[in-house]
Amino acid sequence: MAEPQAGAVDASRVTVVRLGEEDWAAYREVRLQMLLDAPMAFGGTHAESAARPESGWRERLRTMPTWLATEEGSEPLGAVSLFRFPEQDEDETYLIAMWVRPSARGRGVGDVLVETALRYAAESGCRRVTLDVAEANVHARGLYERHGFRPTGRSGVLPHAADVRELEMVREL
């Protein structure tokens, strides 16, 4: 087995916590970081999020289950959320806003976040979790495939970047 790199994340030491609306400022900071790091991976833009008032952040965390991955003594390692679109069935949800800090990628943090979201969805009575992923993002697609997500055959483009093709994937629970 290879030795961990200096500064590597030990996935067994990662803690995942569900955020409440009182955590809005911490989540805002992480969300702005993710939008700067990977602007073509998310449906919103940094400018839109930077302009969102505190009440908007609180509402997001009140209505959208959101988790933050941390490791003692480090800055947040990643985040994930679930959201049910109005057109979805009551027993379906969407995995959104999945992000892992670049320095923590490839170390199991994404796996822990996806597992947490899937467990919550199942415990909440969901039978299906759907997501959109940029076609070119082979690492994210691999992560989702490891967790049982499969392409539905549907695709679309980002509202703010028509050249970014997204693929829809689904996981039956």
N, C-alpha and C. Protein backbone atom coordinates (compact mmCIF):
# COMPACT_ATOMS: atom_id res chain seq x y z
N MET A 1 0.85 -1.18 0.00
CA MET A 1 0.00 0.00 0.00
C MET A 1 0.89 1.24 0.00
N ALA A 2 0.52 2.21 -0.81
CA ALA A 2 1.31 3.44 -0.91
C ALA A 2 1.18 4.26 0.37
N GLU A 3 2.24 4.94 0.69
CA GLU A 3 2.22 5.85 1.83
C GLU A 3 1.41 7.09 1.48
N PRO A 4 0.62 7.62 2.45
CA PRO A 4 -0.13 8.85 2.18
C PRO A 4 0.82 10.00 1.88
N GLN A 5 0.38 10.88 1.02
CA GLN A 5 1.17 12.07 0.71
C GLN A 5 1.14 13.01 1.90
N ALA A 6 2.14 13.87 1.99
CA ALA A 6 2.14 14.88 3.03
C ALA A 6 0.89 15.74 2.87
N GLY A 7 0.19 15.94 3.96
CA GLY A 7 -1.02 16.75 3.91
C GLY A 7 -2.24 15.98 3.42
N ALA A 8 -2.07 14.66 3.20
CA ALA A 8 -3.19 13.85 2.71
C ALA A 8 -4.28 13.75 3.75
N VAL A 9 -5.49 13.58 3.29
CA VAL A 9 -6.65 13.43 4.16
C VAL A 9 -6.82 11.96 4.48
N ASP A 10 -7.03 11.65 5.75
CA ASP A 10 -7.34 10.29 6.18
C ASP A 10 -8.86 10.21 6.27
N ALA A 11 -9.51 9.52 5.31
CA ALA A 11 -10.97 9.47 5.25
C ALA A 11 -11.57 8.92 6.54
N SER A 12 -10.84 8.09 7.27
CA SER A 12 -11.37 7.55 8.52
C SER A 12 -11.45 8.62 9.61
N ARG A 13 -10.76 9.73 9.42
CA ARG A 13 -10.80 10.83 10.40
C ARG A 13 -11.71 11.97 9.96
N VAL A 14 -12.39 11.79 8.85
CA VAL A 14 -13.29 12.82 8.35
C VAL A 14 -14.61 12.75 9.11
N THR A 15 -15.07 13.90 9.55
CA THR A 15 -16.36 14.02 10.22
C THR A 15 -17.31 14.74 9.28
N VAL A 16 -18.50 14.21 9.14
CA VAL A 16 -19.52 14.85 8.30
C VAL A 16 -20.64 15.30 9.22
N VAL A 17 -20.96 16.58 9.15
CA VAL A 17 -22.02 17.14 9.99
C VAL A 17 -23.09 17.78 9.11
N ARG A 18 -24.33 17.62 9.54
CA ARG A 18 -25.43 18.28 8.85
C ARG A 18 -25.48 19.72 9.37
N LEU A 19 -25.59 20.64 8.43
CA LEU A 19 -25.63 22.05 8.78
C LEU A 19 -27.06 22.50 9.05
N GLY A 20 -27.18 23.41 9.99
CA GLY A 20 -28.45 24.06 10.27
C GLY A 20 -28.38 25.50 9.81
N GLU A 21 -29.49 26.19 9.87
CA GLU A 21 -29.49 27.56 9.36
C GLU A 21 -28.54 28.48 10.11
N GLU A 22 -28.22 28.13 11.36
CA GLU A 22 -27.26 28.93 12.12
C GLU A 22 -25.83 28.82 11.56
N ASP A 23 -25.61 27.85 10.68
CA ASP A 23 -24.30 27.64 10.07
C ASP A 23 -24.18 28.35 8.73
N TRP A 24 -25.07 29.28 8.46
CA TRP A 24 -25.15 29.91 7.14
C TRP A 24 -23.83 30.56 6.73
N ALA A 25 -23.14 31.23 7.63
CA ALA A 25 -21.91 31.95 7.26
C ALA A 25 -20.80 30.97 6.86
N ALA A 26 -20.68 29.87 7.59
CA ALA A 26 -19.67 28.86 7.24
C ALA A 26 -20.00 28.23 5.89
N TYR A 27 -21.28 27.92 5.66
CA TYR A 27 -21.64 27.32 4.38
C TYR A 27 -21.45 28.33 3.25
N ARG A 28 -21.78 29.58 3.48
CA ARG A 28 -21.59 30.61 2.45
C ARG A 28 -20.13 30.63 2.00
N GLU A 29 -19.22 30.58 2.97
CA GLU A 29 -17.79 30.60 2.64
C GLU A 29 -17.40 29.40 1.79
N VAL A 30 -17.88 28.22 2.16
CA VAL A 30 -17.57 27.01 1.40
C VAL A 30 -18.19 27.09 0.01
N ARG A 31 -19.43 27.53 -0.07
CA ARG A 31 -20.10 27.63 -1.38
C ARG A 31 -19.37 28.59 -2.30
N LEU A 32 -18.92 29.71 -1.78
CA LEU A 32 -18.17 30.66 -2.61
C LEU A 32 -16.84 30.05 -3.07
N GLN A 33 -16.19 29.29 -2.19
CA GLN A 33 -14.95 28.61 -2.58
C GLN A 33 -15.20 27.61 -3.70
N MET A 34 -16.28 26.83 -3.58
CA MET A 34 -16.55 25.82 -4.60
C MET A 34 -16.86 26.46 -5.94
N LEU A 35 -17.55 27.59 -5.92
CA LEU A 35 -17.88 28.26 -7.17
C LEU A 35 -16.66 28.91 -7.82
N LEU A 36 -15.69 29.32 -7.03
CA LEU A 36 -14.44 29.83 -7.59
C LEU A 36 -13.60 28.68 -8.14
N ASP A 37 -13.57 27.57 -7.41
CA ASP A 37 -12.75 26.42 -7.80
C ASP A 37 -13.28 25.75 -9.06
N ALA A 38 -14.58 25.56 -9.16
CA ALA A 38 -15.15 24.77 -10.25
C ALA A 38 -16.45 25.43 -10.76
N PRO A 39 -16.35 26.59 -11.36
CA PRO A 39 -17.56 27.33 -11.76
C PRO A 39 -18.44 26.59 -12.77
N MET A 40 -17.87 25.67 -13.52
CA MET A 40 -18.67 24.95 -14.52
C MET A 40 -19.27 23.66 -13.98
N ALA A 41 -19.16 23.46 -12.66
CA ALA A 41 -19.70 22.24 -12.06
C ALA A 41 -21.02 22.49 -11.33
N PHE A 42 -21.46 23.74 -11.31
CA PHE A 42 -22.64 24.08 -10.52
C PHE A 42 -23.62 24.91 -11.33
N GLY A 43 -24.89 24.80 -10.97
CA GLY A 43 -25.94 25.53 -11.68
C GLY A 43 -25.95 27.01 -11.41
N GLY A 44 -25.38 27.45 -10.30
CA GLY A 44 -25.33 28.86 -9.97
C GLY A 44 -23.95 29.44 -10.19
N THR A 45 -23.85 30.74 -10.05
CA THR A 45 -22.57 31.41 -10.24
C THR A 45 -22.07 32.03 -8.94
N HIS A 46 -20.79 32.33 -8.91
CA HIS A 46 -20.20 32.98 -7.76
C HIS A 46 -20.87 34.33 -7.51
N ALA A 47 -21.10 35.09 -8.55
CA ALA A 47 -21.72 36.41 -8.40
C ALA A 47 -23.12 36.31 -7.78
N GLU A 48 -23.90 35.33 -8.25
CA GLU A 48 -25.24 35.13 -7.67
C GLU A 48 -25.16 34.78 -6.19
N SER A 49 -24.26 33.88 -5.86
CA SER A 49 -24.14 33.45 -4.46
C SER A 49 -23.57 34.56 -3.58
N ALA A 50 -22.61 35.31 -4.08
CA ALA A 50 -22.03 36.40 -3.30
C ALA A 50 -23.07 37.47 -2.98
N ALA A 51 -24.05 37.62 -3.85
CA ALA A 51 -25.09 38.64 -3.66
C ALA A 51 -26.25 38.15 -2.79
N ARG A 52 -26.31 36.86 -2.50
CA ARG A 52 -27.42 36.31 -1.71
C ARG A 52 -27.35 36.85 -0.29
N PRO A 53 -28.47 37.34 0.24
CA PRO A 53 -28.48 37.86 1.61
C PRO A 53 -28.48 36.72 2.65
N GLU A 54 -28.20 37.07 3.87
CA GLU A 54 -28.19 36.09 4.96
C GLU A 54 -29.49 35.28 4.98
N SER A 55 -30.61 35.93 4.78
CA SER A 55 -31.89 35.22 4.82
C SER A 55 -31.96 34.13 3.74
N GLY A 56 -31.35 34.36 2.59
CA GLY A 56 -31.32 33.37 1.53
C GLY A 56 -30.48 32.17 1.90
N TRP A 57 -29.36 32.42 2.58
CA TRP A 57 -28.51 31.31 3.03
C TRP A 57 -29.21 30.50 4.11
N ARG A 58 -29.86 31.19 5.04
CA ARG A 58 -30.60 30.49 6.10
C ARG A 58 -31.71 29.64 5.50
N GLU A 59 -32.44 30.19 4.54
CA GLU A 59 -33.52 29.45 3.89
C GLU A 59 -32.98 28.21 3.18
N ARG A 60 -31.87 28.36 2.51
CA ARG A 60 -31.27 27.22 1.81
C ARG A 60 -30.97 26.09 2.78
N LEU A 61 -30.36 26.40 3.91
CA LEU A 61 -30.00 25.37 4.88
C LEU A 61 -31.22 24.83 5.63
N ARG A 62 -32.27 25.62 5.73
CA ARG A 62 -33.50 25.17 6.38
C ARG A 62 -34.26 24.18 5.49
N THR A 63 -34.20 24.37 4.19
CA THR A 63 -35.02 23.59 3.27
C THR A 63 -34.25 22.55 2.48
N MET A 64 -32.94 22.57 2.55
CA MET A 64 -32.10 21.69 1.74
C MET A 64 -31.10 20.99 2.65
N PRO A 65 -31.29 19.70 2.94
CA PRO A 65 -30.30 19.02 3.78
C PRO A 65 -28.91 19.18 3.19
N THR A 66 -27.99 19.66 4.01
CA THR A 66 -26.63 19.98 3.56
C THR A 66 -25.63 19.50 4.60
N TRP A 67 -24.56 18.87 4.12
CA TRP A 67 -23.53 18.35 5.01
C TRP A 67 -22.17 18.94 4.65
N LEU A 68 -21.35 19.07 5.67
CA LEU A 68 -19.99 19.58 5.52
C LEU A 68 -19.03 18.53 6.06
N ALA A 69 -18.01 18.21 5.29
CA ALA A 69 -16.97 17.28 5.72
C ALA A 69 -15.81 18.08 6.29
N THR A 70 -15.34 17.66 7.45
CA THR A 70 -14.22 18.33 8.09
C THR A 70 -13.25 17.29 8.64
N GLU A 71 -12.08 17.75 8.92
CA GLU A 71 -11.08 16.95 9.62
C GLU A 71 -10.50 17.86 10.68
N GLU A 72 -10.33 17.36 11.89
CA GLU A 72 -9.86 18.20 12.98
C GLU A 72 -8.62 18.98 12.58
N GLY A 73 -8.68 20.27 12.85
CA GLY A 73 -7.54 21.12 12.58
C GLY A 73 -7.40 21.58 11.14
N SER A 74 -8.39 21.29 10.30
CA SER A 74 -8.28 21.73 8.91
C SER A 74 -9.49 22.55 8.51
N GLU A 75 -9.36 23.21 7.40
CA GLU A 75 -10.51 23.93 6.86
C GLU A 75 -11.49 22.90 6.29
N PRO A 76 -12.75 23.30 6.04
CA PRO A 76 -13.72 22.33 5.50
C PRO A 76 -13.17 21.64 4.25
N LEU A 77 -13.45 20.33 4.17
CA LEU A 77 -12.93 19.51 3.08
C LEU A 77 -13.90 19.37 1.92
N GLY A 78 -15.20 19.54 2.18
CA GLY A 78 -16.18 19.37 1.11
C GLY A 78 -17.59 19.51 1.63
N ALA A 79 -18.53 19.46 0.70
CA ALA A 79 -19.94 19.63 1.05
C ALA A 79 -20.81 18.92 0.02
N VAL A 80 -22.04 18.65 0.43
CA VAL A 80 -23.05 18.07 -0.47
C VAL A 80 -24.43 18.45 0.06
N SER A 81 -25.40 18.55 -0.84
CA SER A 81 -26.78 18.86 -0.47
C SER A 81 -27.74 17.95 -1.22
N LEU A 82 -28.95 17.88 -0.70
CA LEU A 82 -30.05 17.22 -1.38
C LEU A 82 -31.16 18.26 -1.59
N PHE A 83 -31.89 18.11 -2.69
CA PHE A 83 -32.96 19.04 -3.02
C PHE A 83 -34.03 18.31 -3.81
N ARG A 84 -35.28 18.60 -3.48
CA ARG A 84 -36.37 18.02 -4.26
C ARG A 84 -37.01 19.12 -5.08
N PHE A 85 -36.92 18.95 -6.41
CA PHE A 85 -37.56 19.88 -7.32
C PHE A 85 -39.06 19.69 -7.28
N PRO A 86 -39.84 20.74 -7.48
CA PRO A 86 -41.30 20.61 -7.41
C PRO A 86 -41.87 19.56 -8.35
N GLU A 87 -41.25 19.34 -9.50
CA GLU A 87 -41.77 18.36 -10.46
C GLU A 87 -41.41 16.92 -10.11
N GLN A 88 -40.58 16.72 -9.11
CA GLN A 88 -40.20 15.37 -8.71
C GLN A 88 -41.27 14.73 -7.84
N ASP A 89 -41.33 13.40 -7.89
CA ASP A 89 -42.20 12.66 -7.00
C ASP A 89 -41.74 12.86 -5.57
N GLU A 90 -42.65 12.66 -4.63
CA GLU A 90 -42.34 12.85 -3.21
C GLU A 90 -41.21 11.94 -2.72
N ASP A 91 -41.03 10.80 -3.37
CA ASP A 91 -40.01 9.86 -2.91
C ASP A 91 -38.73 9.92 -3.75
N GLU A 92 -38.50 11.08 -4.37
CA GLU A 92 -37.29 11.31 -5.14
C GLU A 92 -36.59 12.56 -4.62
N THR A 93 -35.28 12.60 -4.80
CA THR A 93 -34.51 13.79 -4.44
C THR A 93 -33.34 13.92 -5.40
N TYR A 94 -32.75 15.10 -5.42
CA TYR A 94 -31.60 15.40 -6.27
C TYR A 94 -30.39 15.64 -5.40
N LEU A 95 -29.26 15.03 -5.75
CA LEU A 95 -27.99 15.30 -5.10
C LEU A 95 -27.37 16.49 -5.83
N ILE A 96 -27.10 17.55 -5.10
CA ILE A 96 -26.57 18.77 -5.71
C ILE A 96 -25.42 19.33 -4.87
N ALA A 97 -24.75 20.32 -5.44
CA ALA A 97 -23.72 21.09 -4.74
C ALA A 97 -22.65 20.20 -4.10
N MET A 98 -22.27 19.14 -4.81
CA MET A 98 -21.23 18.23 -4.34
C MET A 98 -19.87 18.82 -4.69
N TRP A 99 -19.02 18.93 -3.68
CA TRP A 99 -17.70 19.51 -3.93
C TRP A 99 -16.72 19.00 -2.89
N VAL A 100 -15.49 18.74 -3.32
CA VAL A 100 -14.39 18.40 -2.43
C VAL A 100 -13.24 19.35 -2.74
N ARG A 101 -12.70 19.91 -1.68
CA ARG A 101 -11.56 20.83 -1.81
C ARG A 101 -10.44 20.14 -2.61
N PRO A 102 -9.81 20.86 -3.54
CA PRO A 102 -8.78 20.22 -4.37
C PRO A 102 -7.73 19.45 -3.59
N SER A 103 -7.28 19.96 -2.45
CA SER A 103 -6.25 19.28 -1.67
C SER A 103 -6.74 17.99 -1.02
N ALA A 104 -8.05 17.77 -1.00
CA ALA A 104 -8.63 16.57 -0.38
C ALA A 104 -9.14 15.56 -1.41
N ARG A 105 -9.06 15.89 -2.69
CA ARG A 105 -9.58 15.01 -3.73
C ARG A 105 -8.75 13.73 -3.83
N GLY A 106 -9.46 12.64 -4.16
CA GLY A 106 -8.80 11.36 -4.31
C GLY A 106 -8.46 10.69 -3.00
N ARG A 107 -9.01 11.17 -1.90
CA ARG A 107 -8.69 10.66 -0.56
C ARG A 107 -9.91 10.07 0.15
N GLY A 108 -11.05 9.92 -0.55
CA GLY A 108 -12.22 9.31 0.05
C GLY A 108 -13.24 10.27 0.62
N VAL A 109 -12.97 11.56 0.60
CA VAL A 109 -13.90 12.54 1.14
C VAL A 109 -15.21 12.55 0.33
N GLY A 110 -15.10 12.50 -0.97
CA GLY A 110 -16.29 12.47 -1.82
C GLY A 110 -17.14 11.24 -1.53
N ASP A 111 -16.48 10.10 -1.32
CA ASP A 111 -17.21 8.87 -0.99
C ASP A 111 -18.01 9.03 0.30
N VAL A 112 -17.37 9.60 1.32
CA VAL A 112 -18.04 9.80 2.61
C VAL A 112 -19.25 10.73 2.44
N LEU A 113 -19.10 11.79 1.66
CA LEU A 113 -20.21 12.72 1.46
C LEU A 113 -21.36 12.07 0.69
N VAL A 114 -21.05 11.35 -0.38
CA VAL A 114 -22.10 10.69 -1.16
C VAL A 114 -22.81 9.65 -0.31
N GLU A 115 -22.05 8.85 0.44
CA GLU A 115 -22.65 7.84 1.31
C GLU A 115 -23.59 8.48 2.34
N THR A 116 -23.19 9.62 2.90
CA THR A 116 -24.01 10.32 3.88
C THR A 116 -25.33 10.77 3.24
N ALA A 117 -25.25 11.37 2.06
CA ALA A 117 -26.46 11.86 1.38
C ALA A 117 -27.38 10.69 1.01
N LEU A 118 -26.81 9.59 0.51
CA LEU A 118 -27.62 8.43 0.13
C LEU A 118 -28.29 7.80 1.35
N ARG A 119 -27.58 7.70 2.44
CA ARG A 119 -28.15 7.14 3.67
C ARG A 119 -29.31 8.00 4.16
N TYR A 120 -29.12 9.32 4.15
CA TYR A 120 -30.19 10.22 4.58
C TYR A 120 -31.40 10.10 3.66
N ALA A 121 -31.17 10.04 2.36
CA ALA A 121 -32.28 9.92 1.41
C ALA A 121 -33.06 8.64 1.68
N ALA A 122 -32.36 7.54 1.87
CA ALA A 122 -33.03 6.26 2.14
C ALA A 122 -33.82 6.32 3.44
N GLU A 123 -33.21 6.86 4.49
CA GLU A 123 -33.87 6.96 5.78
C GLU A 123 -35.07 7.90 5.74
N SER A 124 -35.09 8.81 4.78
CA SER A 124 -36.19 9.75 4.62
C SER A 124 -37.30 9.20 3.72
N GLY A 125 -37.14 7.96 3.28
CA GLY A 125 -38.17 7.33 2.47
C GLY A 125 -38.03 7.52 0.97
N CYS A 126 -36.91 8.06 0.54
CA CYS A 126 -36.71 8.24 -0.90
C CYS A 126 -36.38 6.89 -1.54
N ARG A 127 -36.84 6.70 -2.76
CA ARG A 127 -36.53 5.48 -3.50
C ARG A 127 -35.57 5.75 -4.64
N ARG A 128 -35.33 7.04 -4.93
CA ARG A 128 -34.48 7.38 -6.07
C ARG A 128 -33.76 8.70 -5.80
N VAL A 129 -32.46 8.71 -6.17
CA VAL A 129 -31.66 9.93 -6.08
C VAL A 129 -31.11 10.19 -7.48
N THR A 130 -31.26 11.41 -7.94
CA THR A 130 -30.82 11.82 -9.26
C THR A 130 -29.78 12.92 -9.11
N LEU A 131 -28.92 13.07 -10.10
CA LEU A 131 -27.94 14.15 -10.10
C LEU A 131 -27.59 14.50 -11.54
N ASP A 132 -26.99 15.65 -11.71
CA ASP A 132 -26.43 16.07 -13.00
C ASP A 132 -24.93 16.24 -12.79
N VAL A 133 -24.15 15.81 -13.78
CA VAL A 133 -22.70 15.93 -13.70
C VAL A 133 -22.18 16.34 -15.08
N ALA A 134 -21.19 17.21 -15.08
CA ALA A 134 -20.60 17.63 -16.36
C ALA A 134 -20.01 16.41 -17.05
N GLU A 135 -20.34 16.26 -18.31
CA GLU A 135 -19.86 15.11 -19.10
C GLU A 135 -18.34 15.00 -19.05
N ALA A 136 -17.65 16.12 -19.08
CA ALA A 136 -16.19 16.13 -19.10
C ALA A 136 -15.56 15.82 -17.74
N ASN A 137 -16.35 15.84 -16.68
CA ASN A 137 -15.82 15.62 -15.34
C ASN A 137 -15.77 14.12 -15.04
N VAL A 138 -14.76 13.45 -15.60
CA VAL A 138 -14.66 12.00 -15.48
C VAL A 138 -14.43 11.53 -14.04
N HIS A 139 -13.77 12.34 -13.24
CA HIS A 139 -13.52 11.94 -11.85
C HIS A 139 -14.83 11.92 -11.07
N ALA A 140 -15.65 12.94 -11.23
CA ALA A 140 -16.95 12.98 -10.54
C ALA A 140 -17.85 11.86 -11.04
N ARG A 141 -17.85 11.63 -12.35
CA ARG A 141 -18.67 10.55 -12.89
C ARG A 141 -18.23 9.21 -12.29
N GLY A 142 -16.94 9.00 -12.15
CA GLY A 142 -16.43 7.77 -11.55
C GLY A 142 -16.88 7.62 -10.09
N LEU A 143 -16.84 8.71 -9.35
CA LEU A 143 -17.31 8.70 -7.96
C LEU A 143 -18.76 8.25 -7.90
N TYR A 144 -19.59 8.85 -8.73
CA TYR A 144 -21.01 8.51 -8.70
C TYR A 144 -21.26 7.08 -9.17
N GLU A 145 -20.53 6.64 -10.16
CA GLU A 145 -20.68 5.26 -10.63
C GLU A 145 -20.29 4.26 -9.55
N ARG A 146 -19.25 4.56 -8.75
CA ARG A 146 -18.86 3.69 -7.64
C ARG A 146 -19.99 3.51 -6.64
N HIS A 147 -20.86 4.52 -6.56
CA HIS A 147 -21.97 4.49 -5.61
C HIS A 147 -23.28 4.07 -6.25
N GLY A 148 -23.19 3.48 -7.44
CA GLY A 148 -24.37 2.89 -8.06
C GLY A 148 -25.19 3.80 -8.95
N PHE A 149 -24.72 5.00 -9.21
CA PHE A 149 -25.44 5.89 -10.13
C PHE A 149 -25.18 5.43 -11.56
N ARG A 150 -26.21 5.52 -12.38
CA ARG A 150 -26.13 5.14 -13.79
C ARG A 150 -26.74 6.24 -14.65
N PRO A 151 -26.19 6.45 -15.85
CA PRO A 151 -26.76 7.48 -16.75
C PRO A 151 -28.20 7.13 -17.12
N THR A 152 -29.04 8.16 -17.21
CA THR A 152 -30.43 7.97 -17.61
C THR A 152 -30.61 8.12 -19.12
N GLY A 153 -29.60 8.69 -19.77
CA GLY A 153 -29.71 8.99 -21.20
C GLY A 153 -30.14 10.42 -21.46
N ARG A 154 -30.55 11.12 -20.39
CA ARG A 154 -30.92 12.53 -20.55
C ARG A 154 -29.71 13.42 -20.31
N SER A 155 -29.70 14.55 -20.99
CA SER A 155 -28.61 15.51 -20.81
C SER A 155 -29.15 16.91 -21.01
N GLY A 156 -28.35 17.87 -20.63
CA GLY A 156 -28.69 19.28 -20.78
C GLY A 156 -27.43 20.10 -20.71
N VAL A 157 -27.59 21.40 -20.62
CA VAL A 157 -26.44 22.31 -20.51
C VAL A 157 -26.64 23.21 -19.30
N LEU A 158 -25.53 23.74 -18.79
CA LEU A 158 -25.61 24.68 -17.68
C LEU A 158 -26.27 25.98 -18.15
N PRO A 159 -27.12 26.56 -17.32
CA PRO A 159 -27.78 27.82 -17.72
C PRO A 159 -26.78 28.95 -18.00
N HIS A 160 -25.67 28.97 -17.28
CA HIS A 160 -24.70 30.06 -17.44
C HIS A 160 -23.50 29.66 -18.30
N ALA A 161 -23.53 28.43 -18.87
CA ALA A 161 -22.42 27.98 -19.71
C ALA A 161 -22.95 26.92 -20.68
N ALA A 162 -23.52 27.38 -21.77
CA ALA A 162 -24.17 26.48 -22.73
C ALA A 162 -23.21 25.48 -23.36
N ASP A 163 -21.89 25.70 -23.21
CA ASP A 163 -20.92 24.76 -23.76
C ASP A 163 -20.59 23.61 -22.80
N VAL A 164 -21.18 23.63 -21.60
CA VAL A 164 -20.96 22.56 -20.63
C VAL A 164 -22.16 21.61 -20.66
N ARG A 165 -21.92 20.43 -21.20
CA ARG A 165 -22.98 19.41 -21.29
C ARG A 165 -23.02 18.62 -20.00
N GLU A 166 -24.21 18.52 -19.42
CA GLU A 166 -24.40 17.75 -18.20
C GLU A 166 -25.17 16.48 -18.50
N LEU A 167 -24.78 15.41 -17.84
CA LEU A 167 -25.47 14.13 -17.96
C LEU A 167 -26.27 13.89 -16.69
N GLU A 168 -27.48 13.39 -16.84
CA GLU A 168 -28.28 13.02 -15.69
C GLU A 168 -27.94 11.59 -15.31
N MET A 169 -27.77 11.35 -14.00
CA MET A 169 -27.51 10.00 -13.49
C MET A 169 -28.52 9.73 -12.37
N VAL A 170 -28.82 8.45 -12.17
CA VAL A 170 -29.81 8.07 -11.15
C VAL A 170 -29.32 6.88 -10.36
N ARG A 171 -29.74 6.82 -9.12
CA ARG A 171 -29.46 5.69 -8.23
C ARG A 171 -30.77 5.30 -7.57
N GLU A 172 -31.18 4.07 -7.77
CA GLU A 172 -32.37 3.54 -7.09
C GLU A 172 -31.93 3.09 -5.70
N LEU A 173 -32.73 3.41 -4.71
CA LEU A 173 -32.38 3.03 -3.32
C LEU A 173 -33.15 1.78 -2.91
